[in-house]
Protein backbone atom coordinates (compact mmCIF):
# COMPACT_ATOMS: atom_id res chain seq x y z
CA MET A 1 0.02 0.05 0.12
CA PHE A 2 1.21 3.09 -0.59
CA LEU A 3 0.63 6.96 0.35
CA ALA A 4 0.30 9.76 -2.78
CA LYS A 5 0.66 13.41 -1.46
CA VAL A 6 -0.72 15.10 -4.37
CA TYR A 7 0.63 18.57 -5.06
CA ILE A 8 -1.72 20.44 -8.01
CA SER A 9 -1.14 23.72 -8.92
CA LEU A 10 -2.01 26.70 -11.63
CA LYS A 11 -0.17 26.80 -14.12
CA PRO A 12 2.26 30.47 -14.13
CA SER A 13 0.39 31.66 -16.99
CA VAL A 14 -2.88 31.19 -15.41
CA ASN A 15 -4.06 34.56 -13.29
CA ASP A 16 -4.73 33.28 -9.36
CA PRO A 17 -7.03 35.47 -8.53
CA GLN A 18 -7.33 33.33 -5.50
CA GLY A 19 -3.36 34.34 -4.34
CA LEU A 20 -4.11 37.60 -5.31
CA THR A 21 -6.58 37.69 -2.34
CA ILE A 22 -4.54 36.07 0.09
CA ARG A 23 -1.46 38.13 -0.66
CA SER A 24 -3.42 41.45 -0.33
CA GLY A 25 -4.43 39.86 3.04
CA LEU A 26 -0.92 39.00 4.11
CA HIS A 27 -0.65 42.79 3.44
CA GLN A 28 -3.01 44.22 5.66
CA LEU A 29 -1.43 42.05 8.67
CA GLY A 30 1.81 43.66 7.77
CA PHE A 31 3.85 40.35 5.61
CA ASP A 32 4.71 43.25 3.43
CA SER A 33 8.10 40.51 2.41
CA ALA A 34 5.12 38.49 0.79
CA LEU A 35 5.01 39.89 -3.30
CA ASP A 36 3.66 36.49 -5.18
CA VAL A 37 1.23 33.98 -3.72
CA ARG A 38 0.12 30.82 -5.83
CA ALA A 39 -3.13 29.33 -4.35
CA GLY A 40 -3.65 25.19 -4.80
CA LYS A 41 -4.91 22.25 -3.78
CA TYR A 42 -3.40 19.43 -1.04
CA ILE A 43 -4.88 15.44 -1.93
CA GLU A 44 -4.10 12.59 0.10
CA ILE A 45 -5.07 9.29 -1.35
CA ARG A 46 -3.89 5.43 0.28
CA VAL A 47 -3.25 3.53 -2.96
CA ASP A 48 -3.54 0.02 -2.60
CA GLU A 49 -0.89 -1.71 -4.94
CA ASP A 50 1.74 -3.94 -4.58
CA GLU A 51 4.44 -2.08 -6.39
CA GLU A 52 5.81 0.98 -7.36
CA SER A 53 5.75 1.29 -10.33
CA VAL A 54 1.65 0.32 -10.38
CA ALA A 55 0.82 2.94 -7.62
CA ARG A 56 2.60 5.34 -8.90
CA GLU A 57 0.79 5.00 -12.56
CA ARG A 58 -2.37 4.20 -10.47
CA VAL A 59 -1.98 7.97 -9.68
CA SER A 60 -0.92 9.68 -12.50
CA GLU A 61 -4.15 8.81 -14.10
CA MET A 62 -5.84 9.49 -11.85
CA CYS A 63 -4.55 13.03 -11.45
CA ARG A 64 -4.89 13.45 -15.18
CA GLN A 65 -8.44 12.34 -15.43
CA LEU A 66 -10.11 13.61 -12.78
CA LEU A 67 -8.33 15.40 -9.99
CA ALA A 68 -6.30 17.87 -12.16
CA ASN A 69 -7.69 20.01 -15.56
CA PRO A 70 -4.45 19.72 -17.89
CA ILE A 71 -5.66 23.01 -19.34
CA ILE A 72 -5.04 25.12 -16.54
CA GLU A 73 -3.19 22.63 -13.92
CA ASP A 74 -0.03 21.57 -13.95
CA PHE A 75 0.20 18.33 -10.72
CA ARG A 76 3.67 16.16 -9.21
CA PHE A 77 2.98 13.93 -6.62
CA ASP A 78 5.36 11.95 -3.68
CA LEU A 79 4.43 8.73 -3.05
CA ASP A 80 5.45 6.70 0.17
CA ALA A 81 4.99 3.21 1.69
CA VAL A 82 2.84 2.65 3.67
């Protein structure tokens, strides 16, 4: 069994209004050193597979088919045996 830690973020060319709102809030709180903020998603998935290569392929397919929008988002993931 493996634990996939999936990180999904907007592509650099995509406007991020949520990130801008967070940055504005940080500035209002006095954190002026926060120059750029990008918001994303973090998802944990337990995958019941015996082989890491199979688990890696399954998680990649999950990301491509459902979890990430390939037009505006990039994804990456870490896979840990549990």
